[in-house]
Amino acid sequence: MKDGFSLLFLGTCAAEFSPRLNTDLRDRFDLDVRRTSALLFDERYLIDCGVHLFDELRISGSDPGKITDLFLTHLHSDHFQPDHVRALAEGRERPLRVWVREDAEFPEIPGIELRRMKPLCEYDAGDGLSVTGLPANHDPKAFPQFLLFRRGGKKFLYATDGAWFLNESFLALRADALDLLILDGTCGDYAGDFRMGEHNSIPMIRLMLPSLLTVGAIKKETLVYITHLAPSLHLPHKETVSLLEKDGIRVAYDGLRLEI
C-alpha cells in the first residue's frame, strides 16, 4: 500500500481563461495562462473535471483510462462538465466512481457509480485512502465541499472553491495537522474585493494561516499552496511567487508535481 501522495496540478485557474489557449498554447503549459482547476493524484484519483480537462491530461501525459475515481468540489461548469464525465466513464470494465456531496442534483450518466458524501463523514475509497467532505463557503446551489484525503499517516486538504473556513469545518481540522493545505486563491493581494463571501484574497489567507497554526490544523512544516487564481486579479506568476515567499505561501501552476 502506498504511503503518501503523488500530486499533479492539471489546472489552476478560476473561471477566467486567456484567448491564448486557442493559439500558441494548445500543446503546452504556461505559468501565466492557466486552465480550469483540477488535480490528479497517484495517477488514478481526479479532483474536478472542468472545461480544459482533456487538454490538461494530454499535455501532462496522463492516461484518462487509469482514472478510477472522480471527486467533485462542486458543480459549477469550470469544475464539472457532464460530457467529460461521460467520456471518462465510456468503455470501462468497471464503473467510474464519482464522489459528490450527498444532496447534489446530479445528472444520469452511464458507466458511473455515484458515491454521495455526507458532510464531515469519512469514507473508505480503497487502497488505504479515505476522503471526507467538509462544508465550504461557496454558492450553495453548486453543492460545494472541501475535500480532505488521508493515507498512511499523510493528509492533505483541497479547499477550493470557498472562502475562509465555516465553523464546523474549522473545528474538524483542529489538532490534526495537515501535511499539505491547498487553498482557494482567486483574488490577489489587495483589500475590498466583493467576492469575500465565496473566494479568498491573499490578505484573507494571511489572516487564516496563523489561526490554523494556533489550533493545530497546520504545523510549521505544512506546505501551503494557493490554486484557482484569477489572472486579472493577480500579478504575473513569478511576481506573485516572490510576493508570497515571505508568508510561506506557495503558488501552484499548471503542470506542478508534488510528493508528500
Protein backbone atom coordinates (compact mmCIF):
# COMPACT_ATOMS: atom_id res chain seq x y z
CA MET A 1 0.00 0.00 0.00
CA LYS A 2 1.34 3.42 -0.95
CA ASP A 3 2.33 5.78 1.87
CA GLY A 4 1.71 9.41 0.99
CA PHE A 5 0.63 11.05 -2.25
CA SER A 6 1.96 11.95 -5.70
CA LEU A 7 0.10 15.04 -6.92
CA LEU A 8 -0.18 16.77 -10.26
CA PHE A 9 -1.89 20.14 -10.63
CA LEU A 10 -3.56 19.81 -14.02
CA GLY A 11 -5.06 23.32 -13.95
CA THR A 12 -5.00 26.24 -11.52
CA CYS A 13 -7.31 28.92 -12.94
CA ALA A 14 -10.54 30.47 -11.75
CA ALA A 15 -13.30 30.89 -14.35
CA GLU A 16 -11.32 33.35 -16.44
CA PHE A 17 -9.47 31.99 -19.43
CA SER A 18 -6.95 33.57 -21.76
CA PRO A 19 -7.65 33.63 -25.53
CA ARG A 20 -4.04 32.44 -25.94
CA LEU A 21 -5.24 28.94 -25.06
CA ASN A 22 -6.62 28.72 -28.60
CA THR A 23 -3.38 29.82 -30.27
CA ASP A 24 0.20 29.03 -29.31
CA LEU A 25 -0.54 27.15 -26.08
CA ARG A 26 -2.60 24.21 -27.30
CA ASP A 27 0.19 21.77 -26.55
CA ARG A 28 1.99 23.17 -23.51
CA PHE A 29 1.53 24.68 -20.10
CA ASP A 30 2.40 28.29 -19.32
CA LEU A 31 2.92 29.92 -15.92
CA ASP A 32 0.64 32.85 -16.75
CA VAL A 33 -2.01 31.21 -18.93
CA ARG A 34 -3.90 28.88 -16.64
CA ARG A 35 -6.55 26.26 -17.38
CA THR A 36 -9.55 25.14 -15.30
CA SER A 37 -8.65 23.97 -11.80
CA ALA A 38 -8.18 20.23 -11.46
CA LEU A 39 -5.83 17.96 -9.52
CA LEU A 40 -4.74 14.40 -10.29
CA PHE A 41 -3.07 12.30 -7.62
CA ASP A 42 -1.49 8.86 -7.77
CA GLU A 43 -2.44 8.86 -11.49
CA ARG A 44 -5.91 7.47 -10.70
CA TYR A 45 -7.73 9.96 -8.47
CA LEU A 46 -9.06 13.11 -10.10
CA ILE A 47 -10.44 16.20 -8.40
CA ASP A 48 -12.82 18.14 -10.67
CA CYS A 49 -13.29 17.95 -14.43
CA GLY A 50 -13.68 21.41 -15.92
CA VAL A 51 -13.61 22.77 -19.45
CA HIS A 52 -9.95 22.03 -20.19
CA LEU A 53 -9.62 18.62 -18.54
CA PHE A 54 -8.68 16.55 -21.58
CA ASP A 55 -6.18 19.14 -22.81
CA GLU A 56 -4.60 19.08 -19.34
CA LEU A 57 -4.39 15.29 -19.32
CA ARG A 58 -2.92 15.22 -22.84
CA ILE A 59 -0.30 17.90 -22.19
CA SER A 60 0.77 16.31 -18.90
CA GLY A 61 1.00 12.85 -20.47
CA SER A 62 -1.63 11.44 -18.10
CA ASP A 63 -3.76 8.47 -19.13
CA PRO A 64 -7.52 9.05 -18.67
CA GLY A 65 -8.01 5.27 -18.66
CA LYS A 66 -6.14 4.99 -15.36
CA ILE A 67 -8.58 7.26 -13.55
CA THR A 68 -10.80 5.21 -11.23
CA ASP A 69 -12.32 7.94 -9.08
CA LEU A 70 -13.56 11.49 -9.65
CA PHE A 71 -14.07 13.72 -6.62
CA LEU A 72 -16.12 16.87 -7.19
CA THR A 73 -15.73 20.01 -5.10
CA HIS A 74 -18.93 21.46 -6.57
CA LEU A 75 -20.98 21.58 -9.75
CA HIS A 76 -20.07 24.91 -11.36
CA SER A 77 -19.18 24.46 -15.02
CA ASP A 78 -15.49 25.31 -14.61
CA HIS A 79 -15.22 22.33 -12.22
CA PHE A 80 -17.80 19.93 -13.61
CA GLN A 81 -18.53 19.11 -17.24
CA PRO A 82 -21.02 16.20 -17.58
CA ASP A 83 -19.72 15.38 -21.08
CA HIS A 84 -16.23 14.91 -19.66
CA VAL A 85 -17.60 12.52 -17.06
CA ARG A 86 -19.34 10.58 -19.83
CA ALA A 87 -16.09 10.41 -21.80
CA LEU A 88 -14.13 9.23 -18.77
CA ALA A 89 -16.72 6.56 -17.99
CA GLU A 90 -17.15 5.22 -21.52
CA GLY A 91 -15.91 1.73 -22.36
CA ARG A 92 -14.72 0.76 -18.89
CA GLU A 93 -14.80 -2.72 -17.39
CA ARG A 94 -15.60 -1.19 -14.02
CA PRO A 95 -17.70 1.91 -13.39
CA LEU A 96 -16.02 5.24 -12.78
CA ARG A 97 -16.68 6.16 -9.17
CA VAL A 98 -17.91 9.75 -8.82
CA TRP A 99 -17.95 11.34 -5.37
CA VAL A 100 -20.28 14.28 -4.70
CA ARG A 101 -22.00 15.92 -1.76
CA GLU A 102 -24.97 13.85 -0.63
CA ASP A 103 -27.63 16.37 -1.71
CA ALA A 104 -26.14 17.24 -5.10
CA GLU A 105 -28.54 17.35 -8.05
CA PHE A 106 -26.53 15.07 -10.31
CA PRO A 107 -27.44 14.03 -13.89
CA GLU A 108 -27.87 10.45 -15.02
CA ILE A 109 -24.60 9.35 -16.62
CA PRO A 110 -24.00 5.79 -17.90
CA GLY A 111 -20.96 3.93 -16.64
CA ILE A 112 -20.56 5.65 -13.29
CA GLU A 113 -21.03 4.58 -9.69
CA LEU A 114 -22.26 7.61 -7.78
CA ARG A 115 -20.94 7.95 -4.24
CA ARG A 116 -22.84 10.52 -2.18
CA MET A 117 -20.90 12.02 0.71
CA LYS A 118 -22.48 13.19 3.94
CA PRO A 119 -20.58 16.24 5.22
CA LEU A 120 -17.94 15.53 7.89
CA CYS A 121 -18.17 11.75 7.41
CA GLU A 122 -15.04 9.82 6.47
CA TYR A 123 -15.35 7.33 3.59
CA ASP A 124 -13.08 4.47 2.57
CA ALA A 125 -12.02 4.89 -1.06
CA GLY A 126 -9.89 1.73 -1.12
CA ASP A 127 -6.12 1.09 -1.15
CA GLY A 128 -5.75 2.80 2.20
CA LEU A 129 -7.27 6.09 1.00
CA SER A 130 -10.02 7.87 2.89
CA VAL A 131 -11.91 11.03 1.96
CA THR A 132 -14.02 13.44 3.98
CA GLY A 133 -16.15 16.26 2.59
CA LEU A 134 -16.06 19.45 4.66
CA PRO A 135 -18.73 22.16 4.32
CA ALA A 136 -17.47 25.04 2.16
CA ASN A 137 -18.43 28.70 1.97
CA HIS A 138 -19.42 28.98 -1.70
CA ASP A 139 -22.57 29.13 -3.84
CA PRO A 140 -24.94 26.70 -2.06
CA LYS A 141 -26.71 25.90 -5.33
CA ALA A 142 -23.47 24.25 -6.54
CA PHE A 143 -23.32 21.86 -3.53
CA PRO A 144 -19.77 22.83 -2.50
CA GLN A 145 -17.39 20.85 -0.32
CA PHE A 146 -13.72 20.89 0.58
CA LEU A 147 -12.01 17.51 0.28
CA LEU A 148 -9.79 16.01 2.99
CA PHE A 149 -7.71 12.99 1.97
CA ARG A 150 -5.75 10.64 4.25
CA ARG A 151 -3.43 7.73 3.61
CA GLY A 152 -0.60 6.16 5.57
CA GLY A 153 -0.33 8.96 8.10
CA LYS A 154 -0.26 11.66 5.40
CA LYS A 155 -3.14 14.03 4.74
CA PHE A 156 -3.99 16.95 2.52
CA LEU A 157 -6.93 19.30 2.14
CA TYR A 158 -8.14 20.62 -1.20
CA ALA A 159 -10.07 23.75 -0.22
CA THR A 160 -11.41 25.41 -3.34
CA ASP A 161 -13.85 26.98 -4.23
CA GLY A 162 -14.76 28.62 -0.97
CA ALA A 163 -13.85 31.49 1.34
CA TRP A 164 -12.47 31.22 4.86
CA PHE A 165 -13.50 28.12 6.84
CA LEU A 166 -17.00 27.50 8.10
CA ASN A 167 -17.10 26.79 11.83
CA GLU A 168 -17.82 23.07 11.61
CA SER A 169 -15.02 22.56 9.06
CA PHE A 170 -12.58 24.60 11.14
CA LEU A 171 -13.41 22.50 14.20
CA ALA A 172 -12.94 19.27 12.22
CA LEU A 173 -9.39 20.32 11.32
CA ARG A 174 -8.27 21.27 14.84
CA ALA A 175 -5.35 19.34 16.33
CA ASP A 176 -5.00 17.22 13.18
CA ALA A 177 -2.16 18.91 11.35
CA LEU A 178 -2.16 18.68 7.57
CA ASP A 179 0.90 17.85 5.52
CA LEU A 180 -0.45 19.90 2.61
CA LEU A 181 -3.06 22.64 2.51
CA ILE A 182 -4.33 23.78 -0.89
CA LEU A 183 -6.40 26.94 -0.65
CA ASP A 184 -8.62 28.92 -2.98
CA GLY A 185 -6.60 31.93 -4.12
CA THR A 186 -8.99 33.56 -6.56
CA CYS A 187 -8.23 37.17 -5.57
CA GLY A 188 -4.89 38.93 -5.36
CA ASP A 189 -3.04 40.95 -2.75
CA TYR A 190 -5.49 43.78 -2.16
CA ALA A 191 -8.42 44.62 0.11
CA GLY A 192 -12.07 45.33 -0.64
CA ASP A 193 -12.96 42.63 -3.16
CA PHE A 194 -16.69 41.84 -3.33
CA ARG A 195 -16.01 38.09 -3.58
CA MET A 196 -15.02 37.66 0.10
CA GLY A 197 -18.18 35.62 0.77
CA GLU A 198 -17.10 32.81 -1.56
CA HIS A 199 -13.44 33.31 -2.53
CA ASN A 200 -10.19 34.09 -0.75
CA SER A 201 -7.86 37.01 -1.32
CA ILE A 202 -4.22 37.00 -0.26
CA PRO A 203 -4.90 39.23 2.82
CA MET A 204 -7.60 36.75 3.90
CA ILE A 205 -5.14 33.86 3.64
CA ARG A 206 -2.54 35.79 5.64
CA LEU A 207 -5.12 36.15 8.41
CA MET A 208 -6.16 32.49 8.37
CA LEU A 209 -2.78 30.78 8.49
CA PRO A 210 -1.70 31.92 11.98
CA SER A 211 -5.06 30.82 13.41
CA LEU A 212 -4.83 27.43 11.70
CA LEU A 213 -1.34 27.06 13.19
CA THR A 214 -2.57 28.07 16.65
CA VAL A 215 -5.24 25.35 16.74
CA GLY A 216 -3.02 22.67 15.23
CA ALA A 217 -4.77 22.41 11.86
CA ILE A 218 -1.39 23.01 10.24
CA LYS A 219 2.19 22.86 11.51
CA LYS A 220 5.24 24.92 10.63
CA GLU A 221 6.27 22.26 8.11
CA THR A 222 2.89 22.15 6.36
CA LEU A 223 3.11 23.00 2.67
CA VAL A 224 0.62 25.75 1.83
CA TYR A 225 -0.34 26.32 -1.81
CA ILE A 226 -2.89 28.54 -3.47
CA THR A 227 -4.71 27.49 -6.60
CA HIS A 228 -7.79 28.68 -8.54
CA LEU A 229 -6.21 32.05 -9.35
CA ALA A 230 -7.98 34.66 -11.48
CA PRO A 231 -5.14 36.04 -13.63
CA SER A 232 -6.68 39.50 -13.93
CA LEU A 233 -6.72 39.78 -10.12
CA HIS A 234 -3.09 38.75 -9.61
CA LEU A 235 0.36 39.86 -10.64
CA PRO A 236 2.18 37.59 -13.12
CA HIS A 237 3.14 34.22 -11.67
CA LYS A 238 6.81 34.91 -10.90
CA GLU A 239 5.95 38.20 -9.20
CA THR A 240 3.24 36.50 -7.16
CA VAL A 241 5.70 33.80 -6.08
CA SER A 242 8.18 36.47 -4.97
CA LEU A 243 5.47 38.45 -3.16
CA LEU A 244 4.21 35.46 -1.14
CA GLU A 245 7.53 33.77 -0.35
CA LYS A 246 7.91 35.68 2.92
CA ASP A 247 4.45 34.47 4.02
CA GLY A 248 5.27 30.81 3.42
CA ILE A 249 2.59 30.64 0.73
CA ARG A 250 3.45 28.80 -2.48
CA VAL A 251 1.72 29.37 -5.80
CA ALA A 252 0.53 26.37 -7.80
CA TYR A 253 0.77 26.35 -11.57
CA ASP A 254 -0.45 24.09 -14.35
CA GLY A 255 1.79 21.01 -14.52
CA LEU A 256 3.20 21.30 -10.99
CA ARG A 257 4.09 17.93 -9.44
CA LEU A 258 4.41 17.34 -5.68
CA GLU A 259 5.25 14.40 -3.44
CA ILE A 260 4.11 14.34 0.18
